[in-house]
C-alpha cells in the first residue's frame, strides 16, 4: 500500500460504508461516493443516527453533501460487526422525544448552574455574545 497525502488517501474508501461525526454533534452513516481536495464528502443512503443513553434511532436523509470543514471524524464501518451493538434501536418518534427530554434536562441543569453562580456574584457570558473565532 503506497502512501497518498491528504484526502487522496480516502480514494480507496469510496463505496464503503462510513460514519461521519460533524462539528455540530450530528452523526451520519452512509456510503462514501465522492471526496475532493477540501475533504467535501458525498454520502449515499445516508441516515442521521441519534444516540440517547442506551437507545438510538436512524432518520433517513438520502444523499448528503458534507462540507469538509464540518467533518470532525470519518471512519469506515465494519459491516460484519455493525449489528453487534449493545444499543437498542427505537423508532424515530421515540428517539426524538428522548432527545427533547435530554435537552430539556440539560437546559434546566444549566439554568440552575447559572443561578447558583449568580447568587455568588459571578456571571458566565452567554454563548451568543462570544466571538466564535
Protein backbone atom coordinates (compact mmCIF):
# COMPACT_ATOMS: atom_id res chain seq x y z
CA UNK A 1 0.00 0.00 0.00
CA UNK A 2 1.51 3.30 -1.10
CA UNK A 3 1.23 6.47 0.92
CA UNK A 4 -1.04 9.12 -0.53
CA UNK A 5 -1.05 12.58 1.04
CA UNK A 6 -4.19 14.37 2.25
CA UNK A 7 -7.64 13.38 1.15
CA UNK A 8 -6.22 11.30 -1.71
CA UNK A 9 -5.74 8.52 0.84
CA UNK A 10 -9.56 8.25 1.09
CA UNK A 11 -9.97 7.26 -2.56
CA UNK A 12 -9.70 3.59 -1.60
CA UNK A 13 -12.61 4.12 0.85
CA UNK A 14 -15.09 5.16 -1.86
CA UNK A 15 -18.20 2.93 -2.00
CA UNK A 16 -17.66 1.75 1.58
CA UNK A 17 -19.99 2.46 4.49
CA UNK A 18 -18.74 5.24 6.80
CA UNK A 19 -19.68 7.01 9.98
CA UNK A 20 -19.16 10.79 9.93
CA UNK A 21 -19.20 12.90 13.08
CA UNK A 22 -19.95 16.54 12.32
CA UNK A 23 -18.82 19.67 14.14
CA UNK A 24 -22.37 20.36 15.33
CA UNK A 25 -22.52 16.94 17.02
CA UNK A 26 -24.61 15.10 14.46
CA UNK A 27 -23.69 11.58 13.39
CA UNK A 28 -24.21 10.48 9.79
CA UNK A 29 -23.88 6.97 8.41
CA UNK A 30 -23.79 6.33 4.67
CA UNK A 31 -21.83 5.11 1.70
CA UNK A 32 -18.96 7.40 0.66
CA UNK A 33 -19.48 8.17 -3.02
CA UNK A 34 -17.15 11.11 -3.63
CA UNK A 35 -14.48 13.25 -2.00
CA UNK A 36 -12.46 16.23 -3.15
CA UNK A 37 -9.26 18.03 -2.15
CA UNK A 38 -11.13 20.03 0.52
CA UNK A 39 -12.47 16.84 2.15
CA UNK A 40 -16.00 17.65 0.99
CA UNK A 41 -17.94 14.37 1.08
CA UNK A 42 -20.91 12.95 -0.77
CA UNK A 43 -22.72 10.24 1.18
CA UNK A 44 -25.39 7.99 -0.34
CA UNK A 45 -28.19 6.14 1.51
CA UNK A 46 -27.39 8.36 4.48
CA UNK A 47 -29.08 8.12 7.87
CA UNK A 48 -28.67 10.53 10.76
CA UNK A 49 -28.16 8.47 13.91
CA UNK A 50 -29.31 9.95 17.19
CA UNK A 51 -28.00 8.43 20.44
CA UNK A 52 -29.70 8.93 23.79
CA UNK A 53 -28.50 6.73 26.64
CA UNK A 54 -28.59 3.11 25.50
CA UNK A 55 -31.02 3.82 22.65
CA UNK A 56 -30.57 5.06 19.11
CA UNK A 57 -32.72 5.94 16.15
CA UNK A 58 -31.96 6.42 12.48
CA UNK A 59 -33.53 9.19 10.41
CA UNK A 60 -33.23 8.56 6.65
CA UNK A 61 -31.59 11.52 4.87
CA UNK A 62 -30.79 10.14 1.38
CA UNK A 63 -27.91 11.79 -0.46
CA UNK A 64 -25.95 14.10 1.81
CA UNK A 65 -23.22 16.58 0.85
CA UNK A 66 -20.92 17.48 3.74
CA UNK A 67 -18.55 20.42 3.64
CA UNK A 68 -15.08 19.22 4.64
CA UNK A 69 -14.57 21.83 7.38
CA UNK A 70 -17.55 20.37 9.26
CA UNK A 71 -16.10 16.86 9.49
CA UNK A 72 -14.65 16.01 12.89
CA UNK A 73 -14.27 12.27 12.39
CA UNK A 74 -14.65 9.88 9.47
CA UNK A 75 -14.46 6.14 9.97
CA UNK A 76 -15.26 3.03 7.97
CA UNK A 77 -17.95 0.76 9.42
CA UNK A 78 -17.15 -2.94 9.61
CA UNK A 79 -20.26 -4.49 8.06
CA UNK A 80 -19.66 -7.81 9.84
CA UNK A 81 -19.69 -6.16 13.28
CA UNK A 82 -22.31 -3.49 12.54
CA UNK A 83 -25.14 -5.44 14.16
CA UNK A 84 -23.10 -6.30 17.28
CA UNK A 85 -24.14 -3.31 19.37
CA UNK A 86 -25.30 -3.11 22.98
CA UNK A 87 -27.64 -0.27 21.98
CA UNK A 88 -31.36 -0.70 21.39
CA UNK A 89 -32.84 0.63 18.15
CA UNK A 90 -36.10 2.53 18.60
CA UNK A 91 -38.48 4.41 16.31
CA UNK A 92 -37.75 7.91 15.02
CA UNK A 93 -40.57 9.40 17.11
CA UNK A 94 -39.35 7.73 20.30
CA UNK A 95 -35.71 8.79 19.87
CA UNK A 96 -36.72 12.38 19.03
CA UNK A 97 -38.84 12.50 22.20
CA UNK A 98 -35.95 11.07 24.25
CA UNK A 99 -33.63 13.68 22.69
CA UNK A 100 -36.03 16.51 23.55
CA UNK A 101 -36.28 15.28 27.13
CA UNK A 102 -32.48 15.04 27.42
CA UNK A 103 -32.02 18.55 26.00
CA UNK A 104 -34.65 19.91 28.41
CA UNK A 105 -32.86 18.27 31.35
CA UNK A 106 -29.54 19.80 30.22
CA UNK A 107 -31.13 23.23 29.82
CA UNK A 108 -32.64 23.09 33.31
CA UNK A 109 -29.31 21.99 34.80
CA UNK A 110 -27.56 24.86 33.01
CA UNK A 111 -30.11 27.33 34.35
CA UNK A 112 -29.54 26.04 37.90
CA UNK A 113 -25.78 26.36 37.43
CA UNK A 114 -26.06 29.94 36.13
CA UNK A 115 -28.40 30.86 39.01
CA UNK A 116 -26.02 29.35 41.59
CA UNK A 117 -23.13 31.35 40.13
CA UNK A 118 -25.26 34.49 40.00
CA UNK A 119 -26.16 34.04 43.69
CA UNK A 120 -22.41 34.04 44.42
CA UNK A 121 -21.84 37.21 42.41
CA UNK A 122 -20.37 35.52 39.34
CA UNK A 123 -21.64 35.51 35.81
CA UNK A 124 -20.98 33.49 32.68
CA UNK A 125 -21.24 35.37 29.38
CA UNK A 126 -23.93 33.91 27.10
CA UNK A 127 -22.61 31.85 24.22
CA UNK A 128 -24.29 34.04 21.64
CA UNK A 129 -22.35 37.08 22.87
CA UNK A 130 -18.95 35.45 22.43
CA UNK A 131 -16.94 35.55 19.24
CA UNK A 132 -16.59 32.14 17.62
CA UNK A 133 -13.05 32.83 16.48
